[in-house]
């Protein structure tokens, strides 16, 4: 295994550490957290030094490295990075890791434990769920949804999405709070009570639950989950079952004894989807979605020179993007592209001088960022494309998106009340 004495450990460009405010190690993204407990001690001493002076430590810049701190007593979360991401982006990522821990424990339970015993070793309680912290660390390196604070929808005809939503709506039973159909990274449809939408960061935790473990693929599961934005004090209960390849049904209930009711809701939905021939269609779109949904090639957007883009609807808090094809087919190229998007995003959203439009010429690609009150667009083109050509292509792309919008995004998220 890796620890701080091995060169493979220091070679990682980004480390996450979580410790208790008493300095007890809880989690390290790489290596065994107990073998680097001396580091945890140093981190705790640094934080305490500032705290003694009524100050809180937020960031240290040292050479290529950024040390970013998120202090959520009784937990301290720290990121040490030379990935080029900004302080705000790294702190957001620490926030997601914190939410992941809350989703397993609830804020109320965690606070109570540490009030009773300040030097409690939390690893015993979160044991077995570190895989979800690991998978979150991986996802945040390649998936732009975290940076955008938005949810990616599966590309499919609106008519099919509405029909599937209606099937879910009709299957509502009393203890059902949310009914969600999704692939491991994309939302198909979500039904909710009229008074509760679902916060994107809670949905990201649900996606992470699916990406983090393959055990859900083989059977019906029933698991407690706390959705921090919905209510960080108590658990909800999630029924999870794959109803087709890459198509997962997730039913969320506040009642811990409603497994069998949820199971029969699933049964009814599957029967109705199969009878209407919708399940096979869903499976087809999910298979295409696992590759990316649509391509930027001639058959779709029809804009030569456009390599990739992210389009976020600010009104719907959703985004869409095409599949990553050559030159972005390798993992390292995807990471590099996400870093480019992150630089654009950070520069445009800076508090001191935010930008509406940013044109950037890099050695590998030319990028355009464009922000209005209703959308954000980040697009990547070949390195030799001129500014006027880029603007022309972006206008053409926006026209294409508007035409396809109701299949790329969920424009009217249905509530259960609609189907009474």
Protein backbone atom coordinates (compact mmCIF):
# COMPACT_ATOMS: atom_id res chain seq x y z
CA UNK A 1 0.00 0.00 0.00
CA UNK A 2 0.91 3.61 -0.41
CA UNK A 3 1.93 5.91 2.41
CA UNK A 4 3.86 9.16 2.73
CA UNK A 5 7.21 7.35 2.38
CA UNK A 6 6.44 6.00 -1.13
CA UNK A 7 7.00 8.03 -4.30
CA UNK A 8 3.65 6.87 -5.76
CA UNK A 9 1.86 8.61 -2.84
CA UNK A 10 3.56 11.96 -3.42
CA UNK A 11 3.02 11.65 -7.20
CA UNK A 12 -0.76 12.17 -6.88
CA UNK A 13 -1.75 15.68 -7.90
CA UNK A 14 -4.58 15.97 -5.40
CA UNK A 15 -5.02 14.60 -1.88
CA UNK A 16 -8.07 14.77 0.37
CA UNK A 17 -7.76 14.31 4.14
CA UNK A 18 -10.55 14.22 6.70
CA UNK A 19 -9.85 14.31 10.44
CA UNK A 20 -11.79 15.03 13.60
CA UNK A 21 -11.20 18.33 15.37
CA UNK A 22 -9.30 16.33 18.03
CA UNK A 23 -6.83 15.33 15.27
CA UNK A 24 -8.03 11.71 14.83
CA UNK A 25 -7.63 10.49 11.21
CA UNK A 26 -10.90 9.61 9.46
CA UNK A 27 -10.14 9.36 5.74
CA UNK A 28 -7.37 9.84 3.19
CA UNK A 29 -8.00 9.64 -0.55
CA UNK A 30 -4.69 7.81 -1.08
CA UNK A 31 -2.81 5.56 1.31
CA UNK A 32 -3.85 4.33 4.73
CA UNK A 33 -5.09 7.23 6.88
CA UNK A 34 -3.72 5.68 10.08
CA UNK A 35 -0.19 5.50 8.63
CA UNK A 36 -0.18 9.21 7.92
CA UNK A 37 -1.56 10.22 11.30
CA UNK A 38 1.52 12.41 11.91
CA UNK A 39 0.32 14.57 8.97
CA UNK A 40 -3.12 14.77 10.55
CA UNK A 41 -1.45 16.02 13.74
CA UNK A 42 0.34 18.77 11.82
CA UNK A 43 -2.91 19.80 10.09
CA UNK A 44 -4.71 19.95 13.42
CA UNK A 45 -1.91 22.03 14.98
CA UNK A 46 -2.01 24.53 12.09
CA UNK A 47 -5.78 24.92 12.37
CA UNK A 48 -5.60 25.29 16.18
CA UNK A 49 -2.85 27.92 15.93
CA UNK A 50 -5.15 30.16 13.86
CA UNK A 51 -8.21 29.31 15.97
CA UNK A 52 -6.35 30.43 19.12
CA UNK A 53 -6.05 33.84 17.49
CA UNK A 54 -9.78 33.94 16.67
CA UNK A 55 -9.00 33.31 13.02
CA UNK A 56 -9.90 30.42 10.77
CA UNK A 57 -7.48 28.92 8.30
CA UNK A 58 -8.85 28.83 4.75
CA UNK A 59 -5.98 28.40 2.29
CA UNK A 60 -2.18 28.21 2.13
CA UNK A 61 -0.36 28.65 -1.18
CA UNK A 62 3.08 27.01 -1.21
CA UNK A 63 4.91 26.74 -4.53
CA UNK A 64 2.75 24.65 -6.87
CA UNK A 65 0.57 23.42 -4.02
CA UNK A 66 -2.65 24.78 -2.60
CA UNK A 67 -3.70 23.66 0.88
CA UNK A 68 -7.46 24.28 1.16
CA UNK A 69 -9.32 23.88 4.47
CA UNK A 70 -13.01 23.40 5.19
CA UNK A 71 -13.71 23.50 8.93
CA UNK A 72 -17.03 21.89 9.81
CA UNK A 73 -16.57 21.16 13.50
CA UNK A 74 -16.35 18.33 14.61
CA UNK A 75 -14.75 17.55 11.21
CA UNK A 76 -11.83 19.19 9.43
CA UNK A 77 -11.54 18.56 5.69
CA UNK A 78 -8.34 19.39 3.84
CA UNK A 79 -7.28 19.25 0.21
CA UNK A 80 -3.63 19.43 -0.88
CA UNK A 81 -3.50 19.99 -4.61
CA UNK A 82 -1.30 20.91 -7.54
CA UNK A 83 -4.06 20.14 -10.05
CA UNK A 84 -4.45 23.79 -11.06
CA UNK A 85 -8.03 23.99 -9.73
CA UNK A 86 -8.99 27.15 -7.85
CA UNK A 87 -9.37 27.49 -4.09
CA UNK A 88 -13.16 27.89 -4.43
CA UNK A 89 -13.46 24.79 -6.64
CA UNK A 90 -11.39 22.68 -4.23
CA UNK A 91 -13.45 23.94 -1.27
CA UNK A 92 -16.63 22.98 -3.13
CA UNK A 93 -15.21 19.48 -3.57
CA UNK A 94 -14.48 19.26 0.16
CA UNK A 95 -18.11 20.32 0.70
CA UNK A 96 -19.28 17.35 -1.39
CA UNK A 97 -17.08 14.97 0.66
CA UNK A 98 -18.58 16.43 3.83
CA UNK A 99 -22.11 15.92 2.47
CA UNK A 100 -21.20 12.32 1.60
CA UNK A 101 -20.28 11.67 5.25
CA UNK A 102 -23.50 13.35 6.44
CA UNK A 103 -25.49 11.18 4.00
CA UNK A 104 -24.20 8.11 5.88
CA UNK A 105 -24.48 9.47 9.44
CA UNK A 106 -26.80 12.55 9.53
CA UNK A 107 -25.53 15.79 11.04
CA UNK A 108 -27.54 15.23 14.23
CA UNK A 109 -26.00 11.81 14.92
CA UNK A 110 -22.46 13.00 14.21
CA UNK A 111 -22.73 16.08 16.45
CA UNK A 112 -24.16 13.98 19.28
CA UNK A 113 -21.33 11.42 19.09
CA UNK A 114 -18.59 14.06 19.31
CA UNK A 115 -20.37 15.98 22.08
CA UNK A 116 -20.23 12.81 24.16
CA UNK A 117 -16.65 11.88 23.21
CA UNK A 118 -14.45 14.51 21.62
CA UNK A 119 -11.74 11.96 20.65
CA UNK A 120 -14.17 9.43 19.11
CA UNK A 121 -12.78 7.35 16.20
CA UNK A 122 -15.36 7.86 13.43
CA UNK A 123 -13.87 5.18 11.17
CA UNK A 124 -15.80 2.48 13.02
CA UNK A 125 -19.09 4.13 12.03
CA UNK A 126 -18.32 4.99 8.42
CA UNK A 127 -16.40 1.74 7.84
CA UNK A 128 -17.32 0.23 4.46
CA UNK A 129 -18.57 3.55 3.04
CA UNK A 130 -15.08 4.90 2.17
CA UNK A 131 -15.64 3.51 -1.34
CA UNK A 132 -18.22 6.27 -1.80
CA UNK A 133 -15.70 8.94 -0.76
CA UNK A 134 -13.23 7.39 -3.23
CA UNK A 135 -15.75 7.29 -6.07
CA UNK A 136 -16.69 10.92 -5.36
CA UNK A 137 -12.98 11.83 -5.59
CA UNK A 138 -12.82 10.10 -9.00
CA UNK A 139 -16.09 11.59 -10.30
CA UNK A 140 -15.07 15.14 -9.39
CA UNK A 141 -12.02 14.74 -11.65
CA UNK A 142 -13.93 13.86 -14.80
CA UNK A 143 -17.58 14.84 -14.41
CA UNK A 144 -18.44 18.55 -14.85
CA UNK A 145 -21.75 18.38 -12.93
CA UNK A 146 -20.04 19.28 -9.64
CA UNK A 147 -18.38 22.38 -11.06
CA UNK A 148 -21.62 23.49 -12.74
CA UNK A 149 -23.78 22.65 -9.71
CA UNK A 150 -26.21 21.08 -12.19
CA UNK A 151 -27.65 17.70 -13.18
CA UNK A 152 -27.10 15.99 -16.53
CA UNK A 153 -30.24 14.62 -18.15
CA UNK A 154 -30.38 11.60 -20.40
CA UNK A 155 -31.02 12.67 -24.00
CA UNK A 156 -34.32 11.19 -25.16
CA UNK A 157 -37.55 12.35 -26.85
CA UNK A 158 -39.72 14.46 -24.58
CA UNK A 159 -42.79 12.40 -25.47
CA UNK A 160 -41.20 9.22 -24.08
CA UNK A 161 -39.94 11.04 -20.96
CA UNK A 162 -43.45 12.41 -20.28
CA UNK A 163 -45.04 8.97 -20.75
CA UNK A 164 -42.54 7.34 -18.39
CA UNK A 165 -43.11 10.14 -15.86
CA UNK A 166 -46.87 9.55 -16.03
CA UNK A 167 -46.36 5.82 -15.30
CA UNK A 168 -44.34 6.74 -12.19
CA UNK A 169 -46.92 9.36 -11.20
CA UNK A 170 -49.79 6.90 -11.34
CA UNK A 171 -47.92 4.41 -9.14
CA UNK A 172 -47.69 6.84 -6.20
CA UNK A 173 -48.41 5.36 -2.78
CA UNK A 174 -48.65 7.15 0.57
CA UNK A 175 -45.10 6.64 1.94
CA UNK A 176 -43.42 7.58 -1.38
CA UNK A 177 -41.62 10.94 -1.28
CA UNK A 178 -39.50 10.91 -4.47
CA UNK A 179 -39.56 8.55 -7.45
CA UNK A 180 -36.48 8.75 -9.67
CA UNK A 181 -35.44 6.95 -12.84
CA UNK A 182 -31.80 7.41 -13.70
CA UNK A 183 -28.69 5.94 -15.26
CA UNK A 184 -25.49 5.97 -13.16
CA UNK A 185 -24.73 9.57 -14.26
CA UNK A 186 -27.86 10.94 -15.95
CA UNK A 187 -31.39 11.72 -14.86
CA UNK A 188 -34.29 10.23 -16.85
CA UNK A 189 -37.14 11.66 -14.79
CA UNK A 190 -37.90 12.65 -11.21
CA UNK A 191 -41.31 12.84 -9.54
CA UNK A 192 -41.67 14.82 -6.35
CA UNK A 193 -44.28 16.42 -4.10
CA UNK A 194 -45.24 19.87 -5.37
CA UNK A 195 -43.70 21.53 -2.31
CA UNK A 196 -40.25 19.86 -2.61
CA UNK A 197 -37.84 20.02 -5.48
CA UNK A 198 -34.58 18.10 -5.12
CA UNK A 199 -31.34 20.02 -4.72
CA UNK A 200 -28.66 19.13 -7.34
CA UNK A 201 -26.08 18.35 -4.65
CA UNK A 202 -28.45 15.78 -3.06
CA UNK A 203 -28.93 14.23 -6.51
CA UNK A 204 -25.14 14.13 -7.00
CA UNK A 205 -24.91 12.05 -3.80
CA UNK A 206 -27.50 9.65 -5.24
CA UNK A 207 -25.54 9.35 -8.51
CA UNK A 208 -22.40 8.75 -6.46
CA UNK A 209 -24.17 5.99 -4.54
CA UNK A 210 -24.77 4.20 -7.86
CA UNK A 211 -21.28 4.81 -9.29
CA UNK A 212 -19.59 3.86 -6.03
CA UNK A 213 -20.94 0.34 -5.75
CA UNK A 214 -21.90 -2.41 -8.19
CA UNK A 215 -23.90 -4.35 -5.56
CA UNK A 216 -27.09 -2.49 -6.48
CA UNK A 217 -27.07 -3.97 -9.98
CA UNK A 218 -27.93 -7.49 -8.91
CA UNK A 219 -30.81 -7.17 -6.44
CA UNK A 220 -33.39 -4.97 -4.75
CA UNK A 221 -31.71 -2.84 -2.06
CA UNK A 222 -33.10 -0.89 0.86
CA UNK A 223 -30.71 1.59 2.41
CA UNK A 224 -30.93 4.54 4.81
CA UNK A 225 -29.71 7.79 3.27
CA UNK A 226 -29.62 11.31 4.59
CA UNK A 227 -30.03 14.01 1.90
CA UNK A 228 -28.33 16.98 3.60
CA UNK A 229 -30.04 19.73 1.57
CA UNK A 230 -33.45 18.15 2.11
CA UNK A 231 -32.93 17.56 5.86
CA UNK A 232 -29.53 16.93 7.45
CA UNK A 233 -31.00 15.76 10.76
CA UNK A 234 -32.69 12.51 9.81
CA UNK A 235 -32.60 9.52 7.47
CA UNK A 236 -34.81 8.81 4.51
CA UNK A 237 -34.92 5.28 3.08
CA UNK A 238 -34.06 4.47 -0.51
CA UNK A 239 -35.35 1.50 -2.48
CA UNK A 240 -32.85 0.87 -5.30
CA UNK A 241 -33.40 -1.55 -8.16
CA UNK A 242 -32.10 -1.75 -11.74
CA UNK A 243 -35.12 -2.40 -13.97
CA UNK A 244 -33.03 -2.72 -17.18
CA UNK A 245 -29.36 -2.46 -18.11
CA UNK A 246 -28.14 1.02 -17.01
CA UNK A 247 -31.66 1.99 -15.92
CA UNK A 248 -32.14 2.30 -12.18
CA UNK A 249 -35.29 3.02 -10.23
CA UNK A 250 -34.87 4.79 -6.94
CA UNK A 251 -37.85 5.29 -4.61
CA UNK A 252 -37.35 7.41 -1.51
CA UNK A 253 -39.56 7.14 1.56
CA UNK A 254 -39.43 8.63 5.06
CA UNK A 255 -40.89 5.35 6.39
CA UNK A 256 -38.24 2.74 7.23
CA UNK A 257 -40.80 -0.09 7.07
CA UNK A 258 -42.09 0.60 3.55
CA UNK A 259 -39.75 -1.73 1.59
CA UNK A 260 -42.53 -4.06 0.41
CA UNK A 261 -44.76 -1.17 -0.66
CA UNK A 262 -41.84 0.28 -2.66
CA UNK A 263 -41.16 -3.12 -4.18
CA UNK A 264 -44.76 -3.40 -5.38
CA UNK A 265 -44.61 0.17 -6.81
CA UNK A 266 -41.57 -0.98 -8.81
CA UNK A 267 -43.45 -4.07 -9.98
CA UNK A 268 -46.41 -2.02 -11.21
CA UNK A 269 -44.18 0.49 -12.98
CA UNK A 270 -42.13 -2.21 -14.72
CA UNK A 271 -45.27 -4.05 -15.89
CA UNK A 272 -46.75 -0.85 -17.32
CA UNK A 273 -43.47 0.20 -18.98
CA UNK A 274 -43.10 -3.25 -20.55
CA UNK A 275 -46.71 -3.33 -21.74
CA UNK A 276 -46.25 0.04 -23.46
CA UNK A 277 -42.93 -1.02 -25.04
CA UNK A 278 -41.23 1.82 -23.13
CA UNK A 279 -38.70 -0.24 -21.16
CA UNK A 280 -36.86 -1.41 -24.28
CA UNK A 281 -36.74 2.20 -25.58
CA UNK A 282 -35.39 3.42 -22.24
CA UNK A 283 -32.69 0.76 -22.32
CA UNK A 284 -31.69 1.89 -25.81
CA UNK A 285 -31.39 5.55 -24.82
CA UNK A 286 -29.52 4.61 -21.63
CA UNK A 287 -27.00 2.60 -23.69
CA UNK A 288 -26.44 5.60 -25.96
CA UNK A 289 -26.28 7.82 -22.86
CA UNK A 290 -23.54 5.71 -21.29
CA UNK A 291 -21.41 6.77 -24.28
CA UNK A 292 -22.57 10.38 -23.97
CA UNK A 293 -26.02 10.64 -25.55
CA UNK A 294 -25.28 12.45 -28.77
CA UNK A 295 -22.16 13.34 -30.68
CA UNK A 296 -20.95 16.69 -31.98
CA UNK A 297 -20.48 15.04 -35.36
CA UNK A 298 -22.29 15.94 -38.56
CA UNK A 299 -25.28 13.74 -37.73
CA UNK A 300 -26.18 15.82 -34.68
CA UNK A 301 -25.08 19.41 -34.20
CA UNK A 302 -23.60 19.56 -37.70
CA UNK A 303 -20.94 22.08 -36.68
CA UNK A 304 -17.50 21.08 -38.00
CA UNK A 305 -14.68 22.43 -35.81
CA UNK A 306 -16.72 22.10 -32.60
CA UNK A 307 -15.09 19.43 -30.43
CA UNK A 308 -17.11 19.48 -27.24
CA UNK A 309 -19.31 21.76 -25.12
CA UNK A 310 -21.13 22.12 -21.81
CA UNK A 311 -24.50 23.86 -21.85
CA UNK A 312 -26.15 24.65 -18.51
CA UNK A 313 -29.69 25.89 -18.25
CA UNK A 314 -29.59 28.17 -15.21
CA UNK A 315 -33.38 28.18 -14.98
CA UNK A 316 -33.60 24.36 -14.77
CA UNK A 317 -30.24 23.77 -13.00
CA UNK A 318 -29.49 21.08 -15.60
CA UNK A 319 -26.76 20.65 -18.17
CA UNK A 320 -26.09 18.70 -21.30
CA UNK A 321 -22.92 17.70 -23.12
CA UNK A 322 -22.05 15.49 -26.08
CA UNK A 323 -20.05 12.29 -25.82
CA UNK A 324 -16.29 12.65 -25.46
CA UNK A 325 -14.78 11.37 -28.69
CA UNK A 326 -11.30 11.78 -30.13
CA UNK A 327 -9.22 13.86 -29.13
CA UNK A 328 -10.88 13.35 -25.71
CA UNK A 329 -11.24 9.58 -25.71
CA UNK A 330 -8.54 8.87 -23.09
CA UNK A 331 -8.97 9.46 -19.37
CA UNK A 332 -6.03 11.89 -19.22
CA UNK A 333 -7.44 13.93 -22.14
CA UNK A 334 -10.83 14.09 -20.40
CA UNK A 335 -9.24 15.30 -17.19
CA UNK A 336 -7.32 17.93 -19.13
CA UNK A 337 -10.49 19.14 -20.86
CA UNK A 338 -12.30 19.38 -17.52
CA UNK A 339 -9.38 21.43 -16.15
CA UNK A 340 -9.78 23.81 -19.12
CA UNK A 341 -13.49 24.15 -18.40
CA UNK A 342 -12.69 24.73 -14.71
CA UNK A 343 -10.24 27.54 -15.57
CA UNK A 344 -12.88 29.19 -17.76
CA UNK A 345 -15.58 28.71 -15.12
CA UNK A 346 -13.39 30.09 -12.30
CA UNK A 347 -12.28 33.13 -14.31
CA UNK A 348 -15.83 33.97 -15.38
CA UNK A 349 -17.37 33.53 -11.91
CA UNK A 350 -14.70 35.41 -9.99
CA UNK A 351 -16.26 37.65 -7.36
CA UNK A 352 -13.97 40.60 -8.06
CA UNK A 353 -14.38 40.83 -11.84
CA UNK A 354 -16.92 38.37 -13.22
CA UNK A 355 -17.05 38.02 -17.02
CA UNK A 356 -19.96 37.45 -19.40
CA UNK A 357 -17.78 36.38 -22.31
CA UNK A 358 -14.32 34.80 -22.40
CA UNK A 359 -12.31 33.76 -25.45
CA UNK A 360 -9.20 31.70 -24.73
CA UNK A 361 -6.61 30.36 -27.16
CA UNK A 362 -4.65 27.42 -25.72
CA UNK A 363 -2.09 25.15 -27.35
CA UNK A 364 -4.56 22.25 -27.63
CA UNK A 365 -7.87 24.02 -28.18
CA UNK A 366 -9.60 27.34 -28.48
CA UNK A 367 -12.29 27.86 -25.83
CA UNK A 368 -15.28 30.14 -25.54
CA UNK A 369 -17.26 30.80 -22.37
CA UNK A 370 -20.55 32.68 -22.53
CA UNK A 371 -22.85 33.46 -19.58
CA UNK A 372 -26.30 35.08 -19.69
CA UNK A 373 -29.11 35.20 -17.13
CA UNK A 374 -30.61 31.99 -18.54
CA UNK A 375 -27.67 29.84 -19.66
CA UNK A 376 -23.95 29.13 -19.41
CA UNK A 377 -22.07 27.78 -22.42
CA UNK A 378 -18.48 26.53 -22.48
CA UNK A 379 -17.27 25.23 -25.83
CA UNK A 380 -14.03 23.71 -27.10
CA UNK A 381 -12.80 24.06 -30.70
CA UNK A 382 -9.65 23.13 -32.58
CA UNK A 383 -6.59 25.28 -31.74
CA UNK A 384 -6.55 27.22 -35.04
CA UNK A 385 -10.15 28.41 -35.19
CA UNK A 386 -10.54 32.19 -35.37
CA UNK A 387 -12.57 34.28 -32.92
CA UNK A 388 -15.20 35.22 -35.52
CA UNK A 389 -15.63 31.56 -36.55
CA UNK A 390 -16.02 30.54 -32.89
CA UNK A 391 -18.74 33.16 -32.26
CA UNK A 392 -20.53 32.09 -35.45
CA UNK A 393 -20.41 28.42 -34.44
CA UNK A 394 -21.61 29.18 -30.89
CA UNK A 395 -24.65 31.02 -32.24
CA UNK A 396 -25.35 28.07 -34.52
CA UNK A 397 -24.92 25.69 -31.56
CA UNK A 398 -27.35 27.68 -29.38
CA UNK A 399 -29.95 27.53 -32.18
CA UNK A 400 -29.48 23.75 -32.35
CA UNK A 401 -29.79 23.43 -28.55
CA UNK A 402 -33.00 25.50 -28.50
CA UNK A 403 -34.49 23.28 -31.17
CA UNK A 404 -33.52 20.10 -29.26
CA UNK A 405 -33.97 21.53 -25.77
CA UNK A 406 -36.96 19.42 -24.75
CA UNK A 407 -35.06 16.19 -25.44
CA UNK A 408 -31.75 17.39 -23.93
CA UNK A 409 -33.28 18.77 -20.71
CA UNK A 410 -36.29 18.17 -18.46
CA UNK A 411 -38.19 21.42 -18.92
CA UNK A 412 -41.14 20.74 -16.64
CA UNK A 413 -40.29 18.46 -13.72
CA UNK A 414 -43.62 16.74 -12.90
CA UNK A 415 -45.01 16.58 -9.36
CA UNK A 416 -47.16 13.72 -8.03
CA UNK A 417 -50.18 16.04 -7.61
CA UNK A 418 -50.49 16.24 -11.40
CA UNK A 419 -51.51 12.57 -11.58
CA UNK A 420 -54.15 12.43 -8.84
